[in-house]
Amino acid sequence: MQINVRGKNIEITPALQEYVDKRLRKLEKYFDTQIDAQTTLSVVREDHIVEVTIVINGLILRGEESTNDMYASIDLVVDKLERQMHKYKTKINRKLRQKGKKGLSEKLADLGKEEETEPRVVRTKRFIMKPMPIEEAILQLNLLGHDFFVFTNADTEEINVLYKRKDGNYGLIEPA
C-alpha cells in the first residue's frame, strides 16, 4: 500500500505519519493488488479534518471525518472506510451469486434544472473514467456517498450521469 500524507494548516509530524500508516495498513487485508491512499490532514479553527481517498482498480473509496482530536478523526475515517469495504465485498459477492438474474431496473428520469443566483465554479475535480455497467456505477455512487456519479457507460460508450432521487431510486441522464 502506497500512502501519501499531506497537511493543510498543520505540520505532519513523524508521529502523525506513523499513526496514519499504521491505521491505514489495517485496510490492506481487503486488497489483493497494490493501491494508493491519498490522505489529507487539515485544521480549520478547532476542527481536525482527515480525508482519505483510495483508488482500487478504478473504484474510488473516500472517507472524511472531523473531530476536535486528529487521532480520533483518523480512527473514525479508517472505521468508515472499513465499513465501505465490507459493504462493497458483500455487494460483489451477492452480484456474483445472482449472475444470470435480471439486473437493476434502468428507469430514466429527468433532472430538474435549478437556477443559481450566482453561477460560478467553486471547485474542479479531475478523475479517470473507466467504462462500467450501470450496476457498478450505482455501487460506486453509494460507496462515495454522493448524490450523483459521472461515468462512461460500458454499453453505449457515452458519458452518463447517475443520480439518487428523493424517492430512493436512481435516475440516469444519457446524451441524446
Protein backbone atom coordinates (compact mmCIF):
# COMPACT_ATOMS: atom_id res chain seq x y z
CA MET A 1 0.00 0.00 0.00
CA GLN A 2 1.34 3.39 -1.04
CA ILE A 3 0.23 6.04 1.49
CA ASN A 4 0.65 9.73 0.70
CA VAL A 5 0.01 12.07 3.64
CA ARG A 6 -0.13 15.82 3.30
CA GLY A 7 -1.19 18.59 5.63
CA LYS A 8 -3.15 21.81 5.34
CA ASN A 9 -2.59 24.28 8.16
CA ILE A 10 -0.77 21.54 10.08
CA GLU A 11 2.74 20.14 10.10
CA ILE A 12 2.86 16.39 9.54
CA THR A 13 4.99 15.11 12.40
CA PRO A 14 6.67 11.70 12.26
CA ALA A 15 4.24 10.51 14.97
CA LEU A 16 1.20 11.55 12.88
CA GLN A 17 2.70 10.00 9.74
CA GLU A 18 3.37 6.74 11.60
CA TYR A 19 -0.14 6.67 13.10
CA VAL A 20 -1.80 7.23 9.70
CA ASP A 21 0.38 4.49 8.16
CA LYS A 22 -0.41 2.06 10.99
CA ARG A 23 -4.17 2.65 10.85
CA LEU A 24 -4.47 2.57 7.03
CA ARG A 25 -2.37 -0.60 6.77
CA LYS A 26 -5.25 -2.26 8.64
CA LEU A 27 -7.19 -1.95 5.35
CA GLU A 28 -4.60 -3.94 3.35
CA LYS A 29 -6.35 -7.21 4.18
CA TYR A 30 -9.18 -6.21 1.81
CA PHE A 31 -6.95 -5.71 -1.24
CA ASP A 32 -5.14 -8.18 -3.50
CA THR A 33 -3.40 -5.52 -5.58
CA GLN A 34 -1.17 -2.52 -4.94
CA ILE A 35 -3.26 0.52 -4.01
CA ASP A 36 -2.67 4.22 -3.42
CA ALA A 37 -4.15 6.06 -0.47
CA GLN A 38 -4.17 9.87 -0.60
CA THR A 39 -4.58 11.32 2.89
CA THR A 40 -5.07 14.98 3.75
CA LEU A 41 -4.93 16.19 7.33
CA SER A 42 -6.15 19.73 7.94
CA VAL A 43 -7.06 22.02 10.79
CA VAL A 44 -9.83 24.60 10.48
CA ARG A 45 -10.41 26.54 13.66
CA GLU A 46 -10.76 23.77 16.26
CA ASP A 47 -11.77 21.04 13.79
CA HIS A 48 -9.21 18.38 12.87
CA ILE A 49 -10.27 17.03 9.47
CA VAL A 50 -8.99 13.83 7.86
CA GLU A 51 -9.80 13.00 4.22
CA VAL A 52 -8.72 9.68 2.68
CA THR A 53 -9.19 8.69 -0.95
CA ILE A 54 -8.27 5.17 -2.09
CA VAL A 55 -8.32 4.11 -5.74
CA ILE A 56 -8.66 0.35 -6.38
CA ASN A 57 -8.97 -0.89 -9.96
CA GLY A 58 -10.88 2.25 -10.98
CA LEU A 59 -13.11 2.10 -7.88
CA ILE A 60 -12.87 5.12 -5.59
CA LEU A 61 -13.35 4.84 -1.83
CA ARG A 62 -13.50 8.11 0.06
CA GLY A 63 -13.90 8.95 3.70
CA GLU A 64 -13.87 12.21 5.62
CA GLU A 65 -14.18 12.81 9.34
CA SER A 66 -13.86 15.84 11.59
CA THR A 67 -13.43 15.97 15.38
CA ASN A 68 -11.55 18.04 17.95
CA ASP A 69 -8.71 15.47 18.01
CA MET A 70 -6.65 14.49 14.94
CA TYR A 71 -6.06 10.94 16.17
CA ALA A 72 -9.79 10.41 16.78
CA SER A 73 -10.53 11.72 13.25
CA ILE A 74 -8.02 9.24 11.80
CA ASP A 75 -9.64 6.37 13.72
CA LEU A 76 -13.15 7.36 12.58
CA VAL A 77 -12.20 7.68 8.90
CA VAL A 78 -10.47 4.27 8.92
CA ASP A 79 -13.58 2.72 10.51
CA LYS A 80 -15.74 4.38 7.84
CA LEU A 81 -13.52 3.03 5.04
CA GLU A 82 -13.61 -0.43 6.60
CA ARG A 83 -17.43 -0.38 6.58
CA GLN A 84 -17.38 0.73 2.93
CA MET A 85 -15.05 -2.15 2.02
CA HIS A 86 -17.26 -4.66 3.82
CA LYS A 87 -20.33 -3.26 2.03
CA TYR A 88 -18.52 -3.39 -1.32
CA LYS A 89 -17.37 -7.00 -0.84
CA THR A 90 -20.87 -8.07 0.23
CA LYS A 91 -22.47 -6.47 -2.84
CA ILE A 92 -19.88 -8.00 -5.17
CA ASN A 93 -20.45 -11.47 -3.68
CA ARG A 94 -24.23 -11.05 -3.94
CA LYS A 95 -23.87 -9.86 -7.54
CA LEU A 96 -21.78 -12.91 -8.43
CA ARG A 97 -24.37 -15.25 -6.85
CA GLN A 98 -27.22 -13.58 -8.72
CA LYS A 99 -25.43 -13.52 -12.05
CA GLY A 100 -27.87 -14.62 -14.66
CA LYS A 101 -30.82 -12.99 -12.88
CA LYS A 102 -32.12 -9.76 -14.24
CA GLY A 103 -30.12 -6.71 -13.05
CA LEU A 104 -31.37 -3.50 -11.54
CA SER A 105 -34.18 -1.66 -13.28
CA GLU A 106 -32.94 1.13 -15.54
CA LYS A 107 -35.67 3.73 -15.17
CA LEU A 108 -34.86 7.09 -16.72
CA ALA A 109 -35.87 10.36 -15.14
CA ASP A 110 -35.23 13.98 -15.90
CA LEU A 111 -33.20 16.06 -13.53
CA GLY A 112 -34.90 19.40 -12.93
CA LYS A 113 -32.92 22.49 -13.75
CA GLU A 114 -32.01 24.57 -10.76
CA GLU A 115 -31.41 28.25 -11.12
CA GLU A 116 -28.39 29.59 -9.28
CA THR A 117 -28.23 33.16 -8.12
CA GLU A 118 -24.51 33.46 -8.85
CA PRO A 119 -23.27 30.83 -11.30
CA ARG A 120 -19.59 30.23 -10.68
CA VAL A 121 -17.20 27.33 -10.47
CA VAL A 122 -16.03 26.92 -6.88
CA ARG A 123 -14.28 23.56 -7.21
CA THR A 124 -12.85 21.48 -10.03
CA LYS A 125 -12.23 17.74 -9.82
CA ARG A 126 -10.50 15.54 -12.36
CA PHE A 127 -10.67 11.77 -12.42
CA ILE A 128 -10.21 8.88 -14.81
CA MET A 129 -13.50 7.50 -16.11
CA LYS A 130 -13.28 3.81 -16.93
CA PRO A 131 -16.17 2.20 -18.79
CA MET A 132 -18.55 0.45 -16.38
CA PRO A 133 -22.05 -1.04 -16.37
CA ILE A 134 -24.84 0.88 -14.67
CA GLU A 135 -24.91 -1.56 -11.72
CA GLU A 136 -21.24 -0.82 -10.97
CA ALA A 137 -21.91 2.93 -11.24
CA ILE A 138 -24.72 2.56 -8.66
CA LEU A 139 -22.32 0.72 -6.35
CA GLN A 140 -19.69 3.44 -6.85
CA LEU A 141 -22.28 6.18 -6.15
CA ASN A 142 -23.25 4.51 -2.87
CA LEU A 143 -19.65 3.91 -1.81
CA LEU A 144 -18.74 7.54 -2.37
CA GLY A 145 -21.84 8.76 -0.55
CA HIS A 146 -22.54 11.39 -3.21
CA ASP A 147 -25.86 12.35 -4.81
CA PHE A 148 -24.60 11.85 -8.37
CA PHE A 149 -21.89 9.99 -10.29
CA VAL A 150 -20.48 10.71 -13.77
CA PHE A 151 -19.22 7.65 -15.66
CA THR A 152 -18.65 6.15 -19.09
CA ASN A 153 -21.42 3.65 -19.82
CA ALA A 154 -19.85 0.33 -20.91
CA ASP A 155 -22.88 -0.50 -23.08
CA THR A 156 -23.14 2.77 -25.04
CA GLU A 157 -19.56 4.07 -24.55
CA GLU A 158 -21.01 7.52 -23.79
CA ILE A 159 -20.74 9.76 -20.75
CA ASN A 160 -23.74 9.28 -18.41
CA VAL A 161 -24.79 10.86 -15.12
CA LEU A 162 -26.34 8.67 -12.44
CA TYR A 163 -28.12 10.41 -9.60
CA LYS A 164 -30.02 9.48 -6.46
CA ARG A 165 -33.69 10.54 -6.49
CA LYS A 166 -35.61 11.76 -3.44
CA ASP A 167 -37.78 8.61 -3.55
CA GLY A 168 -34.68 6.42 -3.02
CA ASN A 169 -34.43 5.21 -6.63
CA TYR A 170 -31.85 6.26 -9.20
CA GLY A 171 -32.03 8.39 -12.32
CA LEU A 172 -29.80 8.16 -15.37
CA ILE A 173 -29.01 11.02 -17.74
CA GLU A 174 -27.85 9.96 -21.20
CA PRO A 175 -26.86 12.20 -24.12
CA ALA A 176 -29.48 12.42 -26.89
